[in-house]
């Protein structure tokens, strides 16, 4: 078992790390054993457990109620540092409405692809239409064009248009600066390209970046590891 340093702060990605990837973002399921395991680890770490995800903060709160002390959503664009505290948003560029229209047209032309609107960006999913990978990439890059406010990021069966100015690395830095995380050793666990920034920041702070596929195999492997950490 991978051991945690005694003074760890645990920061976890959600999709593909805690839960299995599903055909659509709405089709995911949280195993009933997961929340109590995470609560036990949170209590063992003095509250220093956070979720860092591309999803909205509110969706994590609904799926994992009373679990994480801090939740960073929208790839670092929004963070709730304490349960019941204010949702703090990073000042990021707005998404041009014409881009949304173009993204919706792109998926309409390729059956099986999916448009996912986010607060200040959107994703073009092709998990159910793998042959559309390159078409979705071309569409995303054409939408952004030469704009310097946003960029295109590829992930697991998805191309995402994201605003510049926040990422999972900036989220890790912000969370680790606050109690109960401050002064602890960050351990970040993630599975996708968007987690690379989280790995880099955790390591820069003297901690660990743990890649799911390399160390655990998949989300089920992560959950087994967490169950061992939680103990009986």
C-alpha atoms as a PDB file:
ATOM      1  CA  UNK A   1       0.000   0.000   0.000  1.00  0.00           C
ATOM      2  CA  UNK A   2       1.179   3.512  -0.770  1.00  0.00           C
ATOM      3  CA  UNK A   3       1.597   5.164   2.632  1.00  0.00           C
ATOM      4  CA  UNK A   4       0.705   8.763   3.325  1.00  0.00           C
ATOM      5  CA  UNK A   5       3.091  11.039   5.195  1.00  0.00           C
ATOM      6  CA  UNK A   6       1.845  11.625   8.747  1.00  0.00           C
ATOM      7  CA  UNK A   7       1.254  15.306   8.018  1.00  0.00           C
ATOM      8  CA  UNK A   8      -0.522  14.750   4.678  1.00  0.00           C
ATOM      9  CA  UNK A   9      -3.191  16.821   3.044  1.00  0.00           C
ATOM     10  CA  UNK A  10      -5.063  14.666   0.510  1.00  0.00           C
ATOM     11  CA  UNK A  11      -6.335  16.322  -2.675  1.00  0.00           C
ATOM     12  CA  UNK A  12      -8.371  14.117  -4.997  1.00  0.00           C
ATOM     13  CA  UNK A  13      -9.652  14.434  -8.533  1.00  0.00           C
ATOM     14  CA  UNK A  14     -13.201  13.093  -9.001  1.00  0.00           C
ATOM     15  CA  UNK A  15     -13.978  11.568 -12.430  1.00  0.00           C
ATOM     16  CA  UNK A  16     -11.680   8.655 -13.212  1.00  0.00           C
ATOM     17  CA  UNK A  17     -10.037   8.912  -9.799  1.00  0.00           C
ATOM     18  CA  UNK A  18     -12.764   8.474  -7.191  1.00  0.00           C
ATOM     19  CA  UNK A  19     -15.506   7.263  -9.506  1.00  0.00           C
ATOM     20  CA  UNK A  20     -15.556   5.265 -12.734  1.00  0.00           C
ATOM     21  CA  UNK A  21     -15.830   7.138 -16.023  1.00  0.00           C
ATOM     22  CA  UNK A  22     -19.328   6.814 -17.489  1.00  0.00           C
ATOM     23  CA  UNK A  23     -20.760   7.284 -20.977  1.00  0.00           C
ATOM     24  CA  UNK A  24     -21.861  10.811 -20.052  1.00  0.00           C
ATOM     25  CA  UNK A  25     -20.971  13.114 -17.135  1.00  0.00           C
ATOM     26  CA  UNK A  26     -24.530  12.752 -15.810  1.00  0.00           C
ATOM     27  CA  UNK A  27     -24.405   8.939 -15.807  1.00  0.00           C
ATOM     28  CA  UNK A  28     -21.727   8.550 -13.133  1.00  0.00           C
ATOM     29  CA  UNK A  29     -22.481   6.690  -9.916  1.00  0.00           C
ATOM     30  CA  UNK A  30     -20.907   7.162  -6.489  1.00  0.00           C
ATOM     31  CA  UNK A  31     -20.379   3.807  -4.722  1.00  0.00           C
ATOM     32  CA  UNK A  32     -22.216   3.920  -1.368  1.00  0.00           C
ATOM     33  CA  UNK A  33     -19.066   2.820   0.472  1.00  0.00           C
ATOM     34  CA  UNK A  34     -17.033   5.797  -0.778  1.00  0.00           C
ATOM     35  CA  UNK A  35     -18.397   8.711   1.326  1.00  0.00           C
ATOM     36  CA  UNK A  36     -17.833   7.051   4.729  1.00  0.00           C
ATOM     37  CA  UNK A  37     -14.316   6.035   3.689  1.00  0.00           C
ATOM     38  CA  UNK A  38     -13.506   9.613   2.695  1.00  0.00           C
ATOM     39  CA  UNK A  39     -14.987  10.986   5.913  1.00  0.00           C
ATOM     40  CA  UNK A  40     -12.822   8.626   7.960  1.00  0.00           C
ATOM     41  CA  UNK A  41      -9.695   9.768   6.098  1.00  0.00           C
ATOM     42  CA  UNK A  42     -10.704  13.411   6.442  1.00  0.00           C
ATOM     43  CA  UNK A  43     -11.050  13.026  10.189  1.00  0.00           C
ATOM     44  CA  UNK A  44      -7.722  11.197  10.419  1.00  0.00           C
ATOM     45  CA  UNK A  45      -6.057  14.090   8.556  1.00  0.00           C
ATOM     46  CA  UNK A  46      -7.554  16.764  10.762  1.00  0.00           C
ATOM     47  CA  UNK A  47      -9.890  17.879   8.015  1.00  0.00           C
ATOM     48  CA  UNK A  48      -7.226  18.188   5.296  1.00  0.00           C
ATOM     49  CA  UNK A  49      -9.132  16.471   2.485  1.00  0.00           C
ATOM     50  CA  UNK A  50     -10.117  18.277  -0.706  1.00  0.00           C
ATOM     51  CA  UNK A  51     -11.738  17.460  -4.043  1.00  0.00           C
ATOM     52  CA  UNK A  52     -10.239  19.186  -7.103  1.00  0.00           C
ATOM     53  CA  UNK A  53     -12.364  18.727 -10.226  1.00  0.00           C
ATOM     54  CA  UNK A  54     -13.568  20.171 -13.491  1.00  0.00           C
ATOM     55  CA  UNK A  55     -17.154  19.829 -12.328  1.00  0.00           C
ATOM     56  CA  UNK A  56     -19.025  22.645 -10.564  1.00  0.00           C
ATOM     57  CA  UNK A  57     -18.505  22.755  -6.802  1.00  0.00           C
ATOM     58  CA  UNK A  58     -22.236  22.338  -6.231  1.00  0.00           C
ATOM     59  CA  UNK A  59     -22.343  19.031  -8.127  1.00  0.00           C
ATOM     60  CA  UNK A  60     -19.616  17.548  -5.898  1.00  0.00           C
ATOM     61  CA  UNK A  61     -21.427  18.747  -2.787  1.00  0.00           C
ATOM     62  CA  UNK A  62     -24.562  16.970  -4.025  1.00  0.00           C
ATOM     63  CA  UNK A  63     -22.798  13.691  -4.857  1.00  0.00           C
ATOM     64  CA  UNK A  64     -20.412  13.657  -1.877  1.00  0.00           C
ATOM     65  CA  UNK A  65     -22.256  15.489   0.899  1.00  0.00           C
ATOM     66  CA  UNK A  66     -20.357  16.219   4.116  1.00  0.00           C
ATOM     67  CA  UNK A  67     -17.120  14.723   2.773  1.00  0.00           C
ATOM     68  CA  UNK A  68     -14.500  17.278   1.719  1.00  0.00           C
ATOM     69  CA  UNK A  69     -13.383  20.268   3.733  1.00  0.00           C
ATOM     70  CA  UNK A  70     -12.487  22.154   0.534  1.00  0.00           C
ATOM     71  CA  UNK A  71     -13.786  21.715  -3.007  1.00  0.00           C
ATOM     72  CA  UNK A  72     -12.220  23.313  -6.073  1.00  0.00           C
ATOM     73  CA  UNK A  73     -14.430  23.154  -9.151  1.00  0.00           C
ATOM     74  CA  UNK A  74     -14.253  24.302 -12.760  1.00  0.00           C
ATOM     75  CA  UNK A  75     -10.546  23.393 -12.934  1.00  0.00           C
ATOM     76  CA  UNK A  76      -9.688  25.884 -10.222  1.00  0.00           C
ATOM     77  CA  UNK A  77     -12.111  28.579 -11.366  1.00  0.00           C
ATOM     78  CA  UNK A  78     -14.234  28.312  -8.211  1.00  0.00           C
ATOM     79  CA  UNK A  79     -13.317  27.155  -4.698  1.00  0.00           C
ATOM     80  CA  UNK A  80     -15.252  26.651  -1.475  1.00  0.00           C
ATOM     81  CA  UNK A  81     -12.550  26.509   1.171  1.00  0.00           C
ATOM     82  CA  UNK A  82     -14.782  25.401   4.061  1.00  0.00           C
ATOM     83  CA  UNK A  83     -18.199  23.728   4.243  1.00  0.00           C
ATOM     84  CA  UNK A  84     -20.875  26.403   4.314  1.00  0.00           C
ATOM     85  CA  UNK A  85     -18.359  29.091   3.380  1.00  0.00           C
ATOM     86  CA  UNK A  86     -18.631  31.409   0.395  1.00  0.00           C
ATOM     87  CA  UNK A  87     -17.939  30.152  -3.108  1.00  0.00           C
ATOM     88  CA  UNK A  88     -14.924  32.166  -4.240  1.00  0.00           C
ATOM     89  CA  UNK A  89     -14.513  32.647  -7.983  1.00  0.00           C
ATOM     90  CA  UNK A  90     -11.317  33.517  -9.818  1.00  0.00           C
ATOM     91  CA  UNK A  91     -11.587  36.515 -12.151  1.00  0.00           C
ATOM     92  CA  UNK A  92     -11.518  34.795 -15.546  1.00  0.00           C
ATOM     93  CA  UNK A  93     -12.452  35.880 -19.064  1.00  0.00           C
ATOM     94  CA  UNK A  94     -16.046  35.348 -20.165  1.00  0.00           C
ATOM     95  CA  UNK A  95     -16.996  32.854 -22.848  1.00  0.00           C
ATOM     96  CA  UNK A  96     -18.241  34.487 -26.087  1.00  0.00           C
ATOM     97  CA  UNK A  97     -21.847  33.355 -26.777  1.00  0.00           C
ATOM     98  CA  UNK A  98     -20.955  32.710 -30.419  1.00  0.00           C
ATOM     99  CA  UNK A  99     -18.495  30.053 -29.288  1.00  0.00           C
ATOM    100  CA  UNK A 100     -21.259  28.195 -27.466  1.00  0.00           C
ATOM    101  CA  UNK A 101     -23.380  28.218 -30.618  1.00  0.00           C
ATOM    102  CA  UNK A 102     -20.447  26.904 -32.646  1.00  0.00           C
ATOM    103  CA  UNK A 103     -19.782  24.125 -30.140  1.00  0.00           C
ATOM    104  CA  UNK A 104     -23.413  23.022 -30.185  1.00  0.00           C
ATOM    105  CA  UNK A 105     -23.392  22.971 -33.988  1.00  0.00           C
ATOM    106  CA  UNK A 106     -20.238  20.857 -33.981  1.00  0.00           C
ATOM    107  CA  UNK A 107     -21.778  18.088 -31.871  1.00  0.00           C
ATOM    108  CA  UNK A 108     -25.034  18.254 -33.848  1.00  0.00           C
ATOM    109  CA  UNK A 109     -23.045  17.311 -36.947  1.00  0.00           C
ATOM    110  CA  UNK A 110     -21.550  14.201 -35.281  1.00  0.00           C
ATOM    111  CA  UNK A 111     -24.065  11.790 -33.703  1.00  0.00           C
ATOM    112  CA  UNK A 112     -22.867  10.363 -30.411  1.00  0.00           C
ATOM    113  CA  UNK A 113     -20.813  13.413 -29.430  1.00  0.00           C
ATOM    114  CA  UNK A 114     -21.891  15.518 -26.469  1.00  0.00           C
ATOM    115  CA  UNK A 115     -21.722  19.219 -25.639  1.00  0.00           C
ATOM    116  CA  UNK A 116     -21.156  19.997 -21.948  1.00  0.00           C
ATOM    117  CA  UNK A 117     -21.545  23.636 -20.940  1.00  0.00           C
ATOM    118  CA  UNK A 118     -19.436  24.861 -18.045  1.00  0.00           C
ATOM    119  CA  UNK A 119     -19.388  28.145 -16.175  1.00  0.00           C
ATOM    120  CA  UNK A 120     -16.713  29.764 -18.341  1.00  0.00           C
ATOM    121  CA  UNK A 121     -15.985  27.148 -20.953  1.00  0.00           C
ATOM    122  CA  UNK A 122     -17.358  23.952 -22.464  1.00  0.00           C
ATOM    123  CA  UNK A 123     -16.368  20.429 -23.400  1.00  0.00           C
ATOM    124  CA  UNK A 124     -16.878  18.404 -26.565  1.00  0.00           C
ATOM    125  CA  UNK A 125     -17.134  14.724 -25.553  1.00  0.00           C
ATOM    126  CA  UNK A 126     -16.653  11.912 -28.071  1.00  0.00           C
ATOM    127  CA  UNK A 127     -16.625   8.856 -25.781  1.00  0.00           C
ATOM    128  CA  UNK A 128     -19.626   7.400 -27.607  1.00  0.00           C
ATOM    129  CA  UNK A 129     -18.286   8.421 -31.014  1.00  0.00           C
ATOM    130  CA  UNK A 130     -14.511   7.732 -31.021  1.00  0.00           C
ATOM    131  CA  UNK A 131     -14.262   8.308 -34.770  1.00  0.00           C
ATOM    132  CA  UNK A 132     -15.195  11.956 -34.171  1.00  0.00           C
ATOM    133  CA  UNK A 133     -12.017  12.632 -32.172  1.00  0.00           C
ATOM    134  CA  UNK A 134     -10.231  14.628 -34.877  1.00  0.00           C
ATOM    135  CA  UNK A 135     -13.384  16.436 -35.980  1.00  0.00           C
ATOM    136  CA  UNK A 136     -14.015  17.588 -32.419  1.00  0.00           C
ATOM    137  CA  UNK A 137     -10.398  18.725 -32.102  1.00  0.00           C
ATOM    138  CA  UNK A 138     -10.643  20.740 -35.318  1.00  0.00           C
ATOM    139  CA  UNK A 139     -13.921  22.283 -34.186  1.00  0.00           C
ATOM    140  CA  UNK A 140     -12.533  23.296 -30.786  1.00  0.00           C
ATOM    141  CA  UNK A 141      -9.389  24.815 -32.276  1.00  0.00           C
ATOM    142  CA  UNK A 142     -11.369  26.668 -34.926  1.00  0.00           C
ATOM    143  CA  UNK A 143     -13.654  28.118 -32.250  1.00  0.00           C
ATOM    144  CA  UNK A 144     -10.781  29.471 -30.162  1.00  0.00           C
ATOM    145  CA  UNK A 145      -8.744  30.547 -33.180  1.00  0.00           C
ATOM    146  CA  UNK A 146      -6.119  33.091 -32.197  1.00  0.00           C
ATOM    147  CA  UNK A 147      -7.882  34.263 -29.030  1.00  0.00           C
ATOM    148  CA  UNK A 148      -5.493  34.591 -26.087  1.00  0.00           C
ATOM    149  CA  UNK A 149      -8.198  34.405 -23.412  1.00  0.00           C
ATOM    150  CA  UNK A 150      -8.931  30.673 -23.797  1.00  0.00           C
ATOM    151  CA  UNK A 151      -7.193  27.500 -24.938  1.00  0.00           C
ATOM    152  CA  UNK A 152      -8.052  23.955 -26.040  1.00  0.00           C
ATOM    153  CA  UNK A 153      -7.134  21.077 -23.743  1.00  0.00           C
ATOM    154  CA  UNK A 154      -7.456  17.403 -24.652  1.00  0.00           C
ATOM    155  CA  UNK A 155      -8.524  14.859 -22.045  1.00  0.00           C
ATOM    156  CA  UNK A 156      -9.946  11.343 -21.819  1.00  0.00           C
ATOM    157  CA  UNK A 157     -12.265  11.249 -24.854  1.00  0.00           C
ATOM    158  CA  UNK A 158     -12.905  14.987 -24.636  1.00  0.00           C
ATOM    159  CA  UNK A 159     -11.696  18.329 -25.967  1.00  0.00           C
ATOM    160  CA  UNK A 160     -12.287  21.224 -23.627  1.00  0.00           C
ATOM    161  CA  UNK A 161     -12.225  24.974 -24.174  1.00  0.00           C
ATOM    162  CA  UNK A 162     -10.951  26.585 -20.978  1.00  0.00           C
ATOM    163  CA  UNK A 163     -10.226  30.150 -19.875  1.00  0.00           C
ATOM    164  CA  UNK A 164      -6.657  31.066 -19.030  1.00  0.00           C
ATOM    165  CA  UNK A 165      -5.893  32.126 -15.487  1.00  0.00           C
ATOM    166  CA  UNK A 166      -6.831  29.107 -13.364  1.00  0.00           C
ATOM    167  CA  UNK A 167      -6.076  25.395 -13.330  1.00  0.00           C
ATOM    168  CA  UNK A 168      -5.812  22.549 -10.857  1.00  0.00           C
ATOM    169  CA  UNK A 169      -2.340  23.726  -9.905  1.00  0.00           C
ATOM    170  CA  UNK A 170      -3.559  27.174  -8.860  1.00  0.00           C
ATOM    171  CA  UNK A 171      -6.363  25.436  -6.952  1.00  0.00           C
ATOM    172  CA  UNK A 172      -3.865  23.272  -5.047  1.00  0.00           C
ATOM    173  CA  UNK A 173      -1.787  26.339  -4.180  1.00  0.00           C
ATOM    174  CA  UNK A 174      -4.840  28.253  -2.927  1.00  0.00           C
ATOM    175  CA  UNK A 175      -6.145  25.359  -0.834  1.00  0.00           C
ATOM    176  CA  UNK A 176      -2.730  24.594   0.676  1.00  0.00           C
ATOM    177  CA  UNK A 177      -2.435  28.198   1.849  1.00  0.00           C
ATOM    178  CA  UNK A 178      -5.488  27.858   4.111  1.00  0.00           C
ATOM    179  CA  UNK A 179      -6.244  25.961   7.310  1.00  0.00           C
ATOM    180  CA  UNK A 180      -6.463  23.035   7.872  1.00  0.00           C
ATOM    181  CA  UNK A 181      -4.193  22.349   4.882  1.00  0.00           C
ATOM    182  CA  UNK A 182      -1.445  24.912   5.524  1.00  0.00           C
ATOM    183  CA  UNK A 183       1.799  23.407   6.786  1.00  0.00           C
ATOM    184  CA  UNK A 184       0.892  19.895   5.654  1.00  0.00           C
ATOM    185  CA  UNK A 185       2.398  17.810   2.828  1.00  0.00           C
ATOM    186  CA  UNK A 186       0.104  17.792  -0.228  1.00  0.00           C
ATOM    187  CA  UNK A 187      -0.687  14.447  -1.853  1.00  0.00           C
ATOM    188  CA  UNK A 188      -2.560  14.957  -5.126  1.00  0.00           C
ATOM    189  CA  UNK A 189      -4.222  12.019  -6.910  1.00  0.00           C
ATOM    190  CA  UNK A 190      -5.498  12.329 -10.483  1.00  0.00           C
ATOM    191  CA  UNK A 191      -5.893  10.490 -13.753  1.00  0.00           C
ATOM    192  CA  UNK A 192      -6.107  12.976 -16.622  1.00  0.00           C
ATOM    193  CA  UNK A 193      -4.174  15.664 -18.477  1.00  0.00           C
ATOM    194  CA  UNK A 194      -5.902  18.356 -16.430  1.00  0.00           C
ATOM    195  CA  UNK A 195      -4.335  16.856 -13.296  1.00  0.00           C
ATOM    196  CA  UNK A 196      -0.768  17.475 -14.461  1.00  0.00           C
ATOM    197  CA  UNK A 197      -0.913  21.012 -13.069  1.00  0.00           C
ATOM    198  CA  UNK A 198      -2.052  19.592  -9.740  1.00  0.00           C
ATOM    199  CA  UNK A 199       0.849  17.117  -9.724  1.00  0.00           C
ATOM    200  CA  UNK A 200       3.360  19.866 -10.466  1.00  0.00           C
ATOM    201  CA  UNK A 201       2.090  22.169  -7.719  1.00  0.00           C
ATOM    202  CA  UNK A 202       1.905  19.407  -5.113  1.00  0.00           C
ATOM    203  CA  UNK A 203       5.482  18.390  -5.888  1.00  0.00           C
ATOM    204  CA  UNK A 204       6.645  22.015  -5.883  1.00  0.00           C
ATOM    205  CA  UNK A 205       5.253  22.277  -2.342  1.00  0.00           C
ATOM    206  CA  UNK A 206       7.274  19.238  -1.274  1.00  0.00           C
ATOM    207  CA  UNK A 207       4.476  16.719  -1.701  1.00  0.00           C
ATOM    208  CA  UNK A 208       3.431  13.929  -4.054  1.00  0.00           C
ATOM    209  CA  UNK A 209       1.593  13.666  -7.357  1.00  0.00           C
ATOM    210  CA  UNK A 210       0.082  10.195  -7.784  1.00  0.00           C
ATOM    211  CA  UNK A 211      -1.095   9.179 -11.273  1.00  0.00           C
ATOM    212  CA  UNK A 212      -4.016   6.754 -11.166  1.00  0.00           C
ATOM    213  CA  UNK A 213      -3.158   4.543 -14.133  1.00  0.00           C
ATOM    214  CA  UNK A 214       0.480   4.159 -13.109  1.00  0.00           C
ATOM    215  CA  UNK A 215      -0.063   3.388  -9.430  1.00  0.00           C
ATOM    216  CA  UNK A 216      -3.626   2.138  -8.967  1.00  0.00           C
ATOM    217  CA  UNK A 217      -4.801   0.964 -12.392  1.00  0.00           C
ATOM    218  CA  UNK A 218      -8.178   2.644 -12.255  1.00  0.00           C
ATOM    219  CA  UNK A 219     -10.697   4.314  -9.943  1.00  0.00           C
ATOM    220  CA  UNK A 220     -11.551   0.975  -8.330  1.00  0.00           C
ATOM    221  CA  UNK A 221      -7.883   0.646  -7.383  1.00  0.00           C
ATOM    222  CA  UNK A 222      -7.923   4.116  -5.859  1.00  0.00           C
ATOM    223  CA  UNK A 223     -11.027   3.264  -3.843  1.00  0.00           C
ATOM    224  CA  UNK A 224      -9.390   0.076  -2.559  1.00  0.00           C
ATOM    225  CA  UNK A 225      -6.339   2.096  -1.478  1.00  0.00           C
ATOM    226  CA  UNK A 226      -8.526   4.661   0.263  1.00  0.00           C
ATOM    227  CA  UNK A 227     -10.400   1.905   2.080  1.00  0.00           C
ATOM    228  CA  UNK A 228      -7.081   0.582   3.410  1.00  0.00           C
ATOM    229  CA  UNK A 229      -6.111   4.064   4.539  1.00  0.00           C
ATOM    230  CA  UNK A 230      -9.431   4.508   6.316  1.00  0.00           C
ATOM    231  CA  UNK A 231      -8.979   1.290   8.263  1.00  0.00           C
ATOM    232  CA  UNK A 232     -11.756  -0.791   9.840  1.00  0.00           C
END
